Amino acid sequence: MQYIAIALAIGLATIGSGIAMGLGANQAYTAIGRNPEAERLIRTNFILGTIFAETLAIYGLVLAILLLLFHQS
């Protein structure tokens, strides 16, 4: 049962992170296509958003490692 929790922790965190980055990229590219002059600002905000979304996957990985290391048999 413990391993199911570990798999869910890393799996759901990575799925959520991937969806967030994909949606963010879609919106950023659409915005750049509509307003090319604001490309620098949009790109900066997109990179910051991607960093925040990626931390979700990192937190899931850390949680999975902690669950694995402190597994009580």
PDB file of N, CA and C in Angstrom:
ATOM      1  N   MET A   1       0.821  -1.198   0.000  1.00  0.00           N
ATOM      2  CA  MET A   1       0.000   0.000   0.000  1.00  0.00           C
ATOM      3  C   MET A   1       0.862   1.258   0.000  1.00  0.00           C
ATOM      4  N   GLN A   2       2.008   1.152   0.677  1.00  0.00           N
ATOM      5  CA  GLN A   2       2.919   2.294   0.745  1.00  0.00           C
ATOM      6  C   GLN A   2       3.452   2.646  -0.641  1.00  0.00           C
ATOM      7  N   TYR A   3       3.722   1.638  -1.454  1.00  0.00           N
ATOM      8  CA  TYR A   3       4.275   1.895  -2.776  1.00  0.00           C
ATOM      9  C   TYR A   3       3.245   2.528  -3.708  1.00  0.00           C
ATOM     10  N   ILE A   4       1.985   2.263  -3.470  1.00  0.00           N
ATOM     11  CA  ILE A   4       0.941   2.925  -4.254  1.00  0.00           C
ATOM     12  C   ILE A   4       0.931   4.413  -3.947  1.00  0.00           C
ATOM     13  N   ALA A   5       1.107   4.765  -2.683  1.00  0.00           N
ATOM     14  CA  ALA A   5       1.166   6.178  -2.299  1.00  0.00           C
ATOM     15  C   ALA A   5       2.373   6.857  -2.923  1.00  0.00           C
ATOM     16  N   ILE A   6       3.494   6.167  -2.970  1.00  0.00           N
ATOM     17  CA  ILE A   6       4.699   6.727  -3.580  1.00  0.00           C
ATOM     18  C   ILE A   6       4.480   6.942  -5.074  1.00  0.00           C
ATOM     19  N   ALA A   7       3.901   5.949  -5.733  1.00  0.00           N
ATOM     20  CA  ALA A   7       3.644   6.071  -7.170  1.00  0.00           C
ATOM     21  C   ALA A   7       2.657   7.191  -7.464  1.00  0.00           C
ATOM     22  N   LEU A   8       1.629   7.320  -6.647  1.00  0.00           N
ATOM     23  CA  LEU A   8       0.661   8.401  -6.843  1.00  0.00           C
ATOM     24  C   LEU A   8       1.285   9.767  -6.592  1.00  0.00           C
ATOM     25  N   ALA A   9       2.149   9.859  -5.592  1.00  0.00           N
ATOM     26  CA  ALA A   9       2.780  11.146  -5.281  1.00  0.00           C
ATOM     27  C   ALA A   9       3.597  11.650  -6.459  1.00  0.00           C
ATOM     28  N   ILE A  10       4.432  10.811  -7.013  1.00  0.00           N
ATOM     29  CA  ILE A  10       5.283  11.261  -8.115  1.00  0.00           C
ATOM     30  C   ILE A  10       4.488  11.340  -9.417  1.00  0.00           C
ATOM     31  N   GLY A  11       3.570  10.402  -9.625  1.00  0.00           N
ATOM     32  CA  GLY A  11       2.804  10.393 -10.871  1.00  0.00           C
ATOM     33  C   GLY A  11       1.874  11.584 -11.011  1.00  0.00           C
ATOM     34  N   LEU A  12       1.099  11.861  -9.984  1.00  0.00           N
ATOM     35  CA  LEU A  12       0.164  12.987 -10.058  1.00  0.00           C
ATOM     36  C   LEU A  12       0.886  14.327 -10.095  1.00  0.00           C
ATOM     37  N   ALA A  13       2.005  14.420  -9.369  1.00  0.00           N
ATOM     38  CA  ALA A  13       2.764  15.670  -9.393  1.00  0.00           C
ATOM     39  C   ALA A  13       3.337  15.932 -10.779  1.00  0.00           C
ATOM     40  N   THR A  14       3.834  14.889 -11.435  1.00  0.00           N
ATOM     41  CA  THR A  14       4.399  15.096 -12.769  1.00  0.00           C
ATOM     42  C   THR A  14       3.324  15.343 -13.813  1.00  0.00           C
ATOM     43  N   ILE A  15       2.211  14.670 -13.690  1.00  0.00           N
ATOM     44  CA  ILE A  15       1.113  14.916 -14.629  1.00  0.00           C
ATOM     45  C   ILE A  15       0.604  16.345 -14.487  1.00  0.00           C
ATOM     46  N   GLY A  16       0.408  16.789 -13.255  1.00  0.00           N
ATOM     47  CA  GLY A  16      -0.045  18.162 -13.027  1.00  0.00           C
ATOM     48  C   GLY A  16       0.939  19.186 -13.533  1.00  0.00           C
ATOM     49  N   SER A  17       2.209  18.929 -13.305  1.00  0.00           N
ATOM     50  CA  SER A  17       3.247  19.841 -13.778  1.00  0.00           C
ATOM     51  C   SER A  17       3.288  19.886 -15.306  1.00  0.00           C
ATOM     52  N   GLY A  18       3.192  18.735 -15.924  1.00  0.00           N
ATOM     53  CA  GLY A  18       3.216  18.684 -17.388  1.00  0.00           C
ATOM     54  C   GLY A  18       2.026  19.382 -18.020  1.00  0.00           C
ATOM     55  N   ILE A  19       0.852  19.192 -17.441  1.00  0.00           N
ATOM     56  CA  ILE A  19      -0.344  19.863 -17.959  1.00  0.00           C
ATOM     57  C   ILE A  19      -0.216  21.370 -17.801  1.00  0.00           C
ATOM     58  N   ALA A  20       0.264  21.809 -16.639  1.00  0.00           N
ATOM     59  CA  ALA A  20       0.421  23.247 -16.396  1.00  0.00           C
ATOM     60  C   ALA A  20       1.415  23.867 -17.369  1.00  0.00           C
ATOM     61  N   MET A  21       2.521  23.187 -17.617  1.00  0.00           N
ATOM     62  CA  MET A  21       3.516  23.735 -18.548  1.00  0.00           C
ATOM     63  C   MET A  21       2.985  23.744 -19.977  1.00  0.00           C
ATOM     64  N   GLY A  22       2.256  22.709 -20.352  1.00  0.00           N
ATOM     65  CA  GLY A  22       1.691  22.674 -21.697  1.00  0.00           C
ATOM     66  C   GLY A  22       0.672  23.770 -21.937  1.00  0.00           C
ATOM     67  N   LEU A  23      -0.213  23.975 -20.968  1.00  0.00           N
ATOM     68  CA  LEU A  23      -1.206  25.043 -21.101  1.00  0.00           C
ATOM     69  C   LEU A  23      -0.546  26.419 -21.094  1.00  0.00           C
ATOM     70  N   GLY A  24       0.474  26.577 -20.255  1.00  0.00           N
ATOM     71  CA  GLY A  24       1.195  27.849 -20.213  1.00  0.00           C
ATOM     72  C   GLY A  24       1.903  28.144 -21.521  1.00  0.00           C
ATOM     73  N   ALA A  25       2.525  27.123 -22.105  1.00  0.00           N
ATOM     74  CA  ALA A  25       3.207  27.309 -23.385  1.00  0.00           C
ATOM     75  C   ALA A  25       2.208  27.666 -24.481  1.00  0.00           C
ATOM     76  N   ASN A  26       1.069  27.010 -24.486  1.00  0.00           N
ATOM     77  CA  ASN A  26       0.037  27.307 -25.473  1.00  0.00           C
ATOM     78  C   ASN A  26      -0.394  28.765 -25.391  1.00  0.00           C
ATOM     79  N   GLN A  27      -0.669  29.222 -24.179  1.00  0.00           N
ATOM     80  CA  GLN A  27      -1.119  30.604 -24.008  1.00  0.00           C
ATOM     81  C   GLN A  27      -0.014  31.600 -24.334  1.00  0.00           C
ATOM     82  N   ALA A  28       1.224  31.272 -23.976  1.00  0.00           N
ATOM     83  CA  ALA A  28       2.336  32.181 -24.261  1.00  0.00           C
ATOM     84  C   ALA A  28       2.550  32.322 -25.764  1.00  0.00           C
ATOM     85  N   TYR A  29       2.533  31.228 -26.482  1.00  0.00           N
ATOM     86  CA  TYR A  29       2.742  31.295 -27.928  1.00  0.00           C
ATOM     87  C   TYR A  29       1.586  31.996 -28.634  1.00  0.00           C
ATOM     88  N   THR A  30       0.381  31.793 -28.134  1.00  0.00           N
ATOM     89  CA  THR A  30      -0.770  32.502 -28.687  1.00  0.00           C
ATOM     90  C   THR A  30      -0.636  34.000 -28.459  1.00  0.00           C
ATOM     91  N   ALA A  31      -0.209  34.384 -27.256  1.00  0.00           N
ATOM     92  CA  ALA A  31      -0.046  35.806 -26.942  1.00  0.00           C
ATOM     93  C   ALA A  31       1.065  36.431 -27.770  1.00  0.00           C
ATOM     94  N   ILE A  32       2.155  35.712 -27.983  1.00  0.00           N
ATOM     95  CA  ILE A  32       3.246  36.237 -28.809  1.00  0.00           C
ATOM     96  C   ILE A  32       2.783  36.384 -30.252  1.00  0.00           C
ATOM     97  N   GLY A  33       1.975  35.447 -30.722  1.00  0.00           N
ATOM     98  CA  GLY A  33       1.446  35.553 -32.081  1.00  0.00           C
ATOM     99  C   GLY A  33       0.539  36.757 -32.259  1.00  0.00           C
ATOM    100  N   ARG A  34      -0.205  37.102 -31.237  1.00  0.00           N
ATOM    101  CA  ARG A  34      -1.107  38.254 -31.320  1.00  0.00           C
ATOM    102  C   ARG A  34      -0.383  39.575 -31.124  1.00  0.00           C
ATOM    103  N   ASN A  35       0.662  39.573 -30.280  1.00  0.00           N
ATOM    104  CA  ASN A  35       1.355  40.813 -29.948  1.00  0.00           C
ATOM    105  C   ASN A  35       2.865  40.557 -29.930  1.00  0.00           C
ATOM    106  N   PRO A  36       3.507  40.532 -31.093  1.00  0.00           N
ATOM    107  CA  PRO A  36       4.936  40.214 -31.152  1.00  0.00           C
ATOM    108  C   PRO A  36       5.827  41.229 -30.429  1.00  0.00           C
ATOM    109  N   GLU A  37       5.354  42.455 -30.269  1.00  0.00           N
ATOM    110  CA  GLU A  37       6.170  43.467 -29.605  1.00  0.00           C
ATOM    111  C   GLU A  37       6.370  43.148 -28.125  1.00  0.00           C
ATOM    112  N   ALA A  38       5.442  42.429 -27.534  1.00  0.00           N
ATOM    113  CA  ALA A  38       5.519  42.098 -26.110  1.00  0.00           C
ATOM    114  C   ALA A  38       6.178  40.739 -25.875  1.00  0.00           C
ATOM    115  N   GLU A  39       6.897  40.253 -26.863  1.00  0.00           N
ATOM    116  CA  GLU A  39       7.475  38.911 -26.786  1.00  0.00           C
ATOM    117  C   GLU A  39       8.424  38.758 -25.601  1.00  0.00           C
ATOM    118  N   ARG A  40       9.221  39.762 -25.333  1.00  0.00           N
ATOM    119  CA  ARG A  40      10.197  39.663 -24.242  1.00  0.00           C
ATOM    120  C   ARG A  40       9.497  39.524 -22.883  1.00  0.00           C
ATOM    121  N   LEU A  41       8.489  40.335 -22.641  1.00  0.00           N
ATOM    122  CA  LEU A  41       7.749  40.273 -21.379  1.00  0.00           C
ATOM    123  C   LEU A  41       6.982  38.954 -21.253  1.00  0.00           C
ATOM    124  N   ILE A  42       6.368  38.524 -22.340  1.00  0.00           N
ATOM    125  CA  ILE A  42       5.614  37.266 -22.318  1.00  0.00           C
ATOM    126  C   ILE A  42       6.551  36.090 -22.066  1.00  0.00           C
ATOM    127  N   ARG A  43       7.707  36.108 -22.722  1.00  0.00           N
ATOM    128  CA  ARG A  43       8.667  35.022 -22.544  1.00  0.00           C
ATOM    129  C   ARG A  43       9.173  34.956 -21.102  1.00  0.00           C
ATOM    130  N   THR A  44       9.455  36.126 -20.519  1.00  0.00           N
ATOM    131  CA  THR A  44       9.916  36.164 -19.128  1.00  0.00           C
ATOM    132  C   THR A  44       8.861  35.600 -18.184  1.00  0.00           C
ATOM    133  N   ASN A  45       7.621  36.018 -18.369  1.00  0.00           N
ATOM    134  CA  ASN A  45       6.541  35.506 -17.523  1.00  0.00           C
ATOM    135  C   ASN A  45       6.316  34.015 -17.739  1.00  0.00           C
ATOM    136  N   PHE A  46       6.472  33.565 -18.973  1.00  0.00           N
ATOM    137  CA  PHE A  46       6.310  32.138 -19.258  1.00  0.00           C
ATOM    138  C   PHE A  46       7.400  31.315 -18.572  1.00  0.00           C
ATOM    139  N   ILE A  47       8.623  31.803 -18.605  1.00  0.00           N
ATOM    140  CA  ILE A  47       9.719  31.078 -17.959  1.00  0.00           C
ATOM    141  C   ILE A  47       9.495  31.010 -16.453  1.00  0.00           C
ATOM    142  N   LEU A  48       9.055  32.103 -15.850  1.00  0.00           N
ATOM    143  CA  LEU A  48       8.758  32.091 -14.415  1.00  0.00           C
ATOM    144  C   LEU A  48       7.624  31.117 -14.095  1.00  0.00           C
ATOM    145  N   GLY A  49       6.594  31.111 -14.912  1.00  0.00           N
ATOM    146  CA  GLY A  49       5.489  30.175 -14.705  1.00  0.00           C
ATOM    147  C   GLY A  49       5.927  28.730 -14.852  1.00  0.00           C
ATOM    148  N   THR A  50       6.814  28.472 -15.803  1.00  0.00           N
ATOM    149  CA  THR A  50       7.330  27.124 -15.998  1.00  0.00           C
ATOM    150  C   THR A  50       8.153  26.676 -14.793  1.00  0.00           C
ATOM    151  N   ILE A  51       8.926  27.600 -14.243  1.00  0.00           N
ATOM    152  CA  ILE A  51       9.712  27.273 -13.049  1.00  0.00           C
ATOM    153  C   ILE A  51       8.790  26.905 -11.894  1.00  0.00           C
ATOM    154  N   PHE A  52       7.731  27.682 -11.696  1.00  0.00           N
ATOM    155  CA  PHE A  52       6.799  27.383 -10.612  1.00  0.00           C
ATOM    156  C   PHE A  52       6.080  26.058 -10.843  1.00  0.00           C
ATOM    157  N   ALA A  53       5.749  25.758 -12.086  1.00  0.00           N
ATOM    158  CA  ALA A  53       5.086  24.486 -12.381  1.00  0.00           C
ATOM    159  C   ALA A  53       6.045  23.317 -12.177  1.00  0.00           C
ATOM    160  N   GLU A  54       7.306  23.516 -12.504  1.00  0.00           N
ATOM    161  CA  GLU A  54       8.284  22.441 -12.354  1.00  0.00           C
ATOM    162  C   GLU A  54       8.565  22.135 -10.883  1.00  0.00           C
ATOM    163  N   THR A  55       8.427  23.135 -10.019  1.00  0.00           N
ATOM    164  CA  THR A  55       8.631  22.872  -8.593  1.00  0.00           C
ATOM    165  C   THR A  55       7.586  21.895  -8.060  1.00  0.00           C
ATOM    166  N   LEU A  56       6.418  21.863  -8.664  1.00  0.00           N
ATOM    167  CA  LEU A  56       5.403  20.887  -8.261  1.00  0.00           C
ATOM    168  C   LEU A  56       5.921  19.467  -8.469  1.00  0.00           C
ATOM    169  N   ALA A  57       6.556  19.219  -9.605  1.00  0.00           N
ATOM    170  CA  ALA A  57       7.107  17.889  -9.868  1.00  0.00           C
ATOM    171  C   ALA A  57       8.258  17.578  -8.915  1.00  0.00           C
ATOM    172  N   ILE A  58       9.066  18.578  -8.603  1.00  0.00           N
ATOM    173  CA  ILE A  58      10.180  18.364  -7.680  1.00  0.00           C
ATOM    174  C   ILE A  58       9.660  18.045  -6.281  1.00  0.00           C
ATOM    175  N   TYR A  59       8.618  18.752  -5.842  1.00  0.00           N
ATOM    176  CA  TYR A  59       8.020  18.451  -4.538  1.00  0.00           C
ATOM    177  C   TYR A  59       7.457  17.035  -4.510  1.00  0.00           C
ATOM    178  N   GLY A  60       6.849  16.606  -5.588  1.00  0.00           N
ATOM    179  CA  GLY A  60       6.341  15.235  -5.662  1.00  0.00           C
ATOM    180  C   GLY A  60       7.459  14.214  -5.581  1.00  0.00           C
ATOM    181  N   LEU A  61       8.578  14.502  -6.239  1.00  0.00           N
ATOM    182  CA  LEU A  61       9.728  13.604  -6.182  1.00  0.00           C
ATOM    183  C   LEU A  61      10.295  13.534  -4.770  1.00  0.00           C
ATOM    184  N   VAL A  62      10.433  14.686  -4.123  1.00  0.00           N
ATOM    185  CA  VAL A  62      10.948  14.712  -2.750  1.00  0.00           C
ATOM    186  C   VAL A  62      10.012  13.945  -1.817  1.00  0.00           C
ATOM    187  N   LEU A  63       8.720  14.146  -1.978  1.00  0.00           N
ATOM    188  CA  LEU A  63       7.752  13.426  -1.148  1.00  0.00           C
ATOM    189  C   LEU A  63       7.854  11.921  -1.368  1.00  0.00           C
ATOM    190  N   ALA A  64       7.995  11.507  -2.618  1.00  0.00           N
ATOM    191  CA  ALA A  64       8.114  10.077  -2.913  1.00  0.00           C
ATOM    192  C   ALA A  64       9.384   9.498  -2.304  1.00  0.00           C
ATOM    193  N   ILE A  65      10.481  10.235  -2.379  1.00  0.00           N
ATOM    194  CA  ILE A  65      11.734   9.759  -1.785  1.00  0.00           C
ATOM    195  C   ILE A  65      11.603   9.655  -0.270  1.00  0.00           C
ATOM    196  N   LEU A  66      10.985  10.668   0.347  1.00  0.00           N
ATOM    197  CA  LEU A  66      10.797  10.626   1.798  1.00  0.00           C
ATOM    198  C   LEU A  66       9.905   9.460   2.213  1.00  0.00           C
ATOM    199  N   LEU A  67       8.844   9.221   1.458  1.00  0.00           N
ATOM    200  CA  LEU A  67       7.981   8.081   1.770  1.00  0.00           C
ATOM    201  C   LEU A  67       8.732   6.763   1.623  1.00  0.00           C
ATOM    202  N   LEU A  68       9.599   6.689   0.641  1.00  0.00           N
ATOM    203  CA  LEU A  68      10.362   5.465   0.422  1.00  0.00           C
ATOM    204  C   LEU A  68      11.416   5.259   1.511  1.00  0.00           C
ATOM    205  N   LEU A  69      12.091   6.338   1.904  1.00  0.00           N
ATOM    206  CA  LEU A  69      13.154   6.220   2.906  1.00  0.00           C
ATOM    207  C   LEU A  69      12.617   5.931   4.300  1.00  0.00           C
ATOM    208  N   PHE A  70      11.497   6.543   4.638  1.00  0.00           N
ATOM    209  CA  PHE A  70      10.954   6.387   5.981  1.00  0.00           C
ATOM    210  C   PHE A  70       9.796   5.396   6.023  1.00  0.00           C
ATOM    211  N   HIS A  71       9.854   4.427   5.138  1.00  0.00           N
ATOM    212  CA  HIS A  71       8.827   3.392   5.062  1.00  0.00           C
ATOM    213  C   HIS A  71       8.893   2.526   6.313  1.00  0.00           C
ATOM    214  N   GLN A  72       7.784   2.423   7.014  1.00  0.00           N
ATOM    215  CA  GLN A  72       7.707   1.597   8.219  1.00  0.00           C
ATOM    216  C   GLN A  72       7.110   0.242   7.859  1.00  0.00           C
ATOM    217  N   SER A  73       7.908  -0.796   7.939  1.00  0.00           N
ATOM    218  CA  SER A  73       7.430  -2.138   7.592  1.00  0.00           C
ATOM    219  C   SER A  73       6.658  -2.767   8.725  1.00  0.00           C
TER     220      SER A  73
END
